[in-house]
């Protein structure tokens, strides 16, 4: 998967289209990611012996095909490419600007 934890992404399709956020978690087995403040859901938590019942908000995962990484130079959606350096190290680059993604 080309998207990593900490990347800035924008949602390109679905109910949350246009929202931006940072990737908090990557679920490789399901090709899904959790993005900060995107796809927020509510869960009703039953009261327990030590805590009251409450409604908890959390970010649900979205499929990786519904997001695009944001180019750090132009702040627009871009695709991800790879480039091999002279020392043999492989880095991720933004296809539009050619800038390295960290």
N, C-alpha and C. Protein backbone atom coordinates (compact mmCIF):
# COMPACT_ATOMS: atom_id res chain seq x y z
N UNK A 1 0.85 -1.17 0.00
CA UNK A 1 0.00 0.00 0.00
C UNK A 1 0.90 1.24 0.00
N UNK A 2 0.57 2.20 -0.83
CA UNK A 2 1.42 3.37 -1.01
C UNK A 2 1.19 4.45 0.04
N UNK A 3 0.03 4.44 0.69
CA UNK A 3 -0.28 5.45 1.70
C UNK A 3 0.19 4.95 3.06
N UNK A 4 0.87 5.83 3.79
CA UNK A 4 1.45 5.48 5.09
C UNK A 4 0.84 6.34 6.20
N UNK A 5 1.04 5.92 7.44
CA UNK A 5 0.58 6.67 8.60
C UNK A 5 1.27 8.03 8.63
N UNK A 6 0.50 9.09 8.85
CA UNK A 6 1.05 10.43 8.91
C UNK A 6 0.91 11.22 7.62
N UNK A 7 0.52 10.57 6.52
CA UNK A 7 0.34 11.27 5.25
C UNK A 7 -0.89 12.17 5.29
N UNK A 8 -0.82 13.31 4.60
CA UNK A 8 -1.97 14.20 4.43
C UNK A 8 -2.73 13.72 3.20
N UNK A 9 -4.03 13.43 3.36
CA UNK A 9 -4.84 12.93 2.26
C UNK A 9 -6.12 13.75 2.12
N UNK A 10 -6.75 13.63 0.94
CA UNK A 10 -8.04 14.24 0.68
C UNK A 10 -8.98 13.15 0.19
N UNK A 11 -10.23 13.18 0.64
CA UNK A 11 -11.22 12.19 0.22
C UNK A 11 -11.74 12.62 -1.15
N UNK A 12 -11.67 11.71 -2.14
CA UNK A 12 -12.04 12.06 -3.51
C UNK A 12 -13.40 11.50 -3.91
N UNK A 13 -13.98 10.61 -3.11
CA UNK A 13 -15.31 10.10 -3.43
C UNK A 13 -16.01 9.64 -2.16
N UNK A 14 -17.33 9.58 -2.23
CA UNK A 14 -18.11 9.14 -1.09
C UNK A 14 -18.75 10.30 -0.35
N UNK A 15 -19.35 10.00 0.79
CA UNK A 15 -20.09 10.99 1.57
C UNK A 15 -19.19 12.08 2.14
N UNK A 16 -17.92 11.77 2.35
CA UNK A 16 -16.98 12.73 2.93
C UNK A 16 -16.10 13.41 1.89
N UNK A 17 -16.55 13.44 0.65
CA UNK A 17 -15.76 13.99 -0.46
C UNK A 17 -15.33 15.43 -0.17
N UNK A 18 -14.04 15.71 -0.39
CA UNK A 18 -13.51 17.05 -0.19
C UNK A 18 -12.85 17.28 1.16
N UNK A 19 -13.09 16.41 2.13
CA UNK A 19 -12.49 16.57 3.46
C UNK A 19 -11.02 16.14 3.42
N UNK A 20 -10.21 16.84 4.22
CA UNK A 20 -8.79 16.54 4.30
C UNK A 20 -8.44 16.14 5.72
N UNK A 21 -7.38 15.35 5.86
CA UNK A 21 -6.93 14.97 7.17
C UNK A 21 -5.66 14.15 7.11
N UNK A 22 -5.15 13.83 8.29
CA UNK A 22 -3.93 13.05 8.41
C UNK A 22 -4.29 11.59 8.66
N UNK A 23 -3.57 10.68 8.03
CA UNK A 23 -3.81 9.25 8.21
C UNK A 23 -3.34 8.85 9.60
N UNK A 24 -4.26 8.31 10.41
CA UNK A 24 -3.94 7.90 11.77
C UNK A 24 -3.57 6.42 11.84
N UNK A 25 -4.19 5.61 10.97
CA UNK A 25 -3.99 4.16 11.04
C UNK A 25 -4.17 3.56 9.66
N UNK A 26 -3.38 2.55 9.34
CA UNK A 26 -3.48 1.84 8.07
C UNK A 26 -3.81 0.38 8.37
N UNK A 27 -4.88 -0.13 7.73
CA UNK A 27 -5.29 -1.53 7.89
C UNK A 27 -4.97 -2.23 6.57
N UNK A 28 -3.77 -2.80 6.47
CA UNK A 28 -3.29 -3.36 5.20
C UNK A 28 -4.11 -4.55 4.73
N UNK A 29 -4.57 -5.39 5.64
CA UNK A 29 -5.29 -6.61 5.24
C UNK A 29 -6.62 -6.31 4.56
N UNK A 30 -7.23 -5.17 4.89
CA UNK A 30 -8.53 -4.81 4.33
C UNK A 30 -8.43 -3.64 3.34
N UNK A 31 -7.22 -3.14 3.07
CA UNK A 31 -7.02 -1.98 2.19
C UNK A 31 -7.84 -0.78 2.65
N UNK A 32 -7.81 -0.52 3.95
CA UNK A 32 -8.57 0.59 4.51
C UNK A 32 -7.65 1.46 5.37
N UNK A 33 -8.06 2.73 5.55
CA UNK A 33 -7.31 3.65 6.39
C UNK A 33 -8.27 4.42 7.29
N UNK A 34 -7.74 4.92 8.40
CA UNK A 34 -8.50 5.78 9.31
C UNK A 34 -7.90 7.17 9.20
N UNK A 35 -8.74 8.14 8.83
CA UNK A 35 -8.28 9.52 8.63
C UNK A 35 -8.86 10.40 9.73
N UNK A 36 -8.01 11.27 10.26
CA UNK A 36 -8.39 12.16 11.36
C UNK A 36 -9.55 13.07 10.97
N UNK A 37 -10.62 13.06 11.77
CA UNK A 37 -11.81 13.91 11.60
C UNK A 37 -12.55 13.68 10.29
N UNK A 38 -12.46 12.47 9.74
CA UNK A 38 -13.19 12.10 8.52
C UNK A 38 -13.94 10.81 8.82
N UNK A 39 -15.19 10.72 8.35
CA UNK A 39 -16.05 9.55 8.56
C UNK A 39 -16.29 9.31 10.05
N UNK A 40 -16.68 10.35 10.77
CA UNK A 40 -16.91 10.28 12.21
C UNK A 40 -18.25 9.60 12.47
N UNK A 41 -18.24 8.60 13.32
CA UNK A 41 -19.43 7.83 13.69
C UNK A 41 -19.67 7.97 15.19
N UNK A 42 -20.88 7.59 15.62
CA UNK A 42 -21.22 7.61 17.04
C UNK A 42 -21.55 6.20 17.49
N UNK A 43 -21.05 5.85 18.67
CA UNK A 43 -21.33 4.54 19.25
C UNK A 43 -21.91 4.76 20.64
N UNK A 44 -23.01 4.08 20.92
CA UNK A 44 -23.63 4.15 22.24
C UNK A 44 -22.98 3.10 23.13
N UNK A 45 -22.37 3.56 24.22
CA UNK A 45 -21.65 2.67 25.13
C UNK A 45 -22.51 2.45 26.36
N UNK A 46 -22.73 1.19 26.67
CA UNK A 46 -23.55 0.83 27.83
C UNK A 46 -22.80 1.17 29.12
N UNK A 47 -23.57 1.56 30.13
CA UNK A 47 -22.91 1.90 31.39
C UNK A 47 -22.34 0.64 32.03
N UNK A 48 -21.25 0.83 32.74
CA UNK A 48 -20.60 -0.27 33.45
C UNK A 48 -20.53 0.05 34.92
N UNK A 49 -19.90 -0.80 35.69
CA UNK A 49 -19.83 -0.55 37.13
C UNK A 49 -19.02 0.70 37.48
N UNK A 50 -18.06 1.06 36.64
CA UNK A 50 -17.19 2.20 36.95
C UNK A 50 -17.37 3.39 36.02
N UNK A 51 -18.23 3.27 34.99
CA UNK A 51 -18.40 4.38 34.05
C UNK A 51 -19.86 4.54 33.66
N UNK A 52 -20.26 5.78 33.39
CA UNK A 52 -21.66 6.01 32.98
C UNK A 52 -21.86 5.66 31.51
N UNK A 53 -23.11 5.45 31.12
CA UNK A 53 -23.41 5.24 29.72
C UNK A 53 -23.21 6.54 28.96
N UNK A 54 -22.73 6.44 27.74
CA UNK A 54 -22.45 7.66 26.97
C UNK A 54 -22.43 7.37 25.48
N UNK A 55 -22.40 8.44 24.70
CA UNK A 55 -22.27 8.33 23.26
C UNK A 55 -20.85 8.76 22.90
N UNK A 56 -20.09 7.85 22.29
CA UNK A 56 -18.69 8.10 21.97
C UNK A 56 -18.55 8.31 20.47
N UNK A 57 -17.83 9.35 20.07
CA UNK A 57 -17.55 9.58 18.65
C UNK A 57 -16.19 8.99 18.30
N UNK A 58 -16.11 8.36 17.11
CA UNK A 58 -14.85 7.78 16.66
C UNK A 58 -14.78 7.85 15.15
N UNK A 59 -13.57 7.77 14.61
CA UNK A 59 -13.37 7.79 13.16
C UNK A 59 -13.42 6.37 12.63
N UNK A 60 -14.33 6.11 11.71
CA UNK A 60 -14.42 4.80 11.07
C UNK A 60 -13.47 4.77 9.88
N UNK A 61 -13.11 3.57 9.46
CA UNK A 61 -12.17 3.44 8.35
C UNK A 61 -12.87 3.69 7.01
N UNK A 62 -12.09 4.10 6.02
CA UNK A 62 -12.58 4.25 4.65
C UNK A 62 -11.62 3.51 3.72
N UNK A 63 -12.12 3.10 2.57
CA UNK A 63 -11.29 2.35 1.64
C UNK A 63 -10.23 3.25 1.04
N UNK A 64 -9.06 2.69 0.83
CA UNK A 64 -7.91 3.45 0.35
C UNK A 64 -8.14 4.02 -1.05
N UNK A 65 -9.03 3.42 -1.84
CA UNK A 65 -9.30 3.92 -3.19
C UNK A 65 -10.12 5.21 -3.17
N UNK A 66 -10.70 5.55 -2.04
CA UNK A 66 -11.51 6.77 -1.93
C UNK A 66 -10.70 8.00 -1.52
N UNK A 67 -9.39 7.85 -1.35
CA UNK A 67 -8.55 8.98 -0.96
C UNK A 67 -7.40 9.16 -1.94
N UNK A 68 -6.86 10.36 -1.94
CA UNK A 68 -5.67 10.68 -2.73
C UNK A 68 -4.73 11.49 -1.84
N UNK A 69 -3.45 11.24 -1.98
CA UNK A 69 -2.47 11.95 -1.16
C UNK A 69 -2.34 13.39 -1.66
N UNK A 70 -2.04 14.31 -0.74
CA UNK A 70 -1.91 15.72 -1.09
C UNK A 70 -0.44 16.03 -1.35
N UNK A 71 -0.18 16.67 -2.50
CA UNK A 71 1.18 17.07 -2.88
C UNK A 71 1.66 18.15 -1.91
N UNK A 72 2.82 17.97 -1.26
CA UNK A 72 3.28 18.98 -0.30
C UNK A 72 3.64 20.32 -0.94
N UNK A 73 3.96 20.33 -2.22
CA UNK A 73 4.36 21.57 -2.90
C UNK A 73 3.15 22.36 -3.40
N UNK A 74 2.18 21.68 -4.04
CA UNK A 74 1.04 22.37 -4.66
C UNK A 74 -0.23 22.30 -3.83
N UNK A 75 -0.27 21.47 -2.81
CA UNK A 75 -1.45 21.25 -1.95
C UNK A 75 -2.65 20.76 -2.74
N UNK A 76 -2.41 19.99 -3.81
CA UNK A 76 -3.47 19.40 -4.61
C UNK A 76 -3.29 17.88 -4.62
N UNK A 77 -4.37 17.14 -4.95
CA UNK A 77 -4.25 15.68 -4.99
C UNK A 77 -3.25 15.23 -6.06
N UNK A 78 -2.52 14.17 -5.74
CA UNK A 78 -1.53 13.64 -6.67
C UNK A 78 -1.43 12.13 -6.49
N UNK A 79 -0.78 11.50 -7.44
CA UNK A 79 -0.49 10.07 -7.31
C UNK A 79 0.90 9.91 -6.71
N UNK A 80 1.21 8.69 -6.30
CA UNK A 80 2.49 8.41 -5.66
C UNK A 80 3.34 7.57 -6.59
N UNK A 81 4.61 7.96 -6.69
CA UNK A 81 5.57 7.18 -7.46
C UNK A 81 6.76 6.85 -6.59
N UNK A 82 7.65 6.01 -7.10
CA UNK A 82 8.84 5.64 -6.36
C UNK A 82 10.07 5.99 -7.18
N UNK A 83 11.15 6.34 -6.50
CA UNK A 83 12.40 6.67 -7.15
C UNK A 83 13.53 6.05 -6.35
N UNK A 84 14.49 5.49 -7.05
CA UNK A 84 15.63 4.87 -6.40
C UNK A 84 16.80 5.85 -6.41
N UNK A 85 17.40 6.07 -5.25
CA UNK A 85 18.54 6.96 -5.13
C UNK A 85 19.83 6.22 -5.47
N UNK A 86 20.94 6.97 -5.56
CA UNK A 86 22.23 6.36 -5.89
C UNK A 86 22.68 5.35 -4.83
N UNK A 87 22.33 5.61 -3.58
CA UNK A 87 22.74 4.70 -2.51
C UNK A 87 21.84 3.46 -2.41
N UNK A 88 20.88 3.31 -3.32
CA UNK A 88 20.01 2.13 -3.35
C UNK A 88 18.73 2.28 -2.56
N UNK A 89 18.56 3.41 -1.88
CA UNK A 89 17.36 3.63 -1.08
C UNK A 89 16.19 4.02 -1.99
N UNK A 90 15.00 3.48 -1.71
CA UNK A 90 13.80 3.78 -2.49
C UNK A 90 12.95 4.79 -1.73
N UNK A 91 12.58 5.89 -2.39
CA UNK A 91 11.77 6.93 -1.75
C UNK A 91 10.47 7.12 -2.51
N UNK A 92 9.45 7.64 -1.80
CA UNK A 92 8.17 7.97 -2.43
C UNK A 92 8.22 9.40 -2.92
N UNK A 93 7.68 9.63 -4.12
CA UNK A 93 7.64 10.98 -4.67
C UNK A 93 6.22 11.29 -5.15
N UNK A 94 5.89 12.58 -5.19
CA UNK A 94 4.62 13.03 -5.75
C UNK A 94 4.78 13.09 -7.26
N UNK A 95 3.84 12.48 -7.99
CA UNK A 95 3.95 12.42 -9.45
C UNK A 95 3.86 13.81 -10.09
N UNK A 96 3.03 14.71 -9.55
CA UNK A 96 2.84 16.02 -10.18
C UNK A 96 4.05 16.93 -10.03
N UNK A 97 4.64 17.00 -8.83
CA UNK A 97 5.74 17.94 -8.60
C UNK A 97 7.10 17.26 -8.55
N UNK A 98 7.13 15.97 -8.31
CA UNK A 98 8.40 15.26 -8.19
C UNK A 98 9.04 15.41 -6.83
N UNK A 99 8.35 16.04 -5.89
CA UNK A 99 8.89 16.26 -4.55
C UNK A 99 8.76 15.00 -3.70
N UNK A 100 9.73 14.81 -2.81
CA UNK A 100 9.74 13.63 -1.95
C UNK A 100 8.62 13.72 -0.91
N UNK A 101 7.96 12.59 -0.66
CA UNK A 101 6.94 12.48 0.38
C UNK A 101 7.58 11.87 1.61
N UNK A 102 7.34 12.48 2.76
CA UNK A 102 7.97 11.97 3.98
C UNK A 102 7.01 11.14 4.77
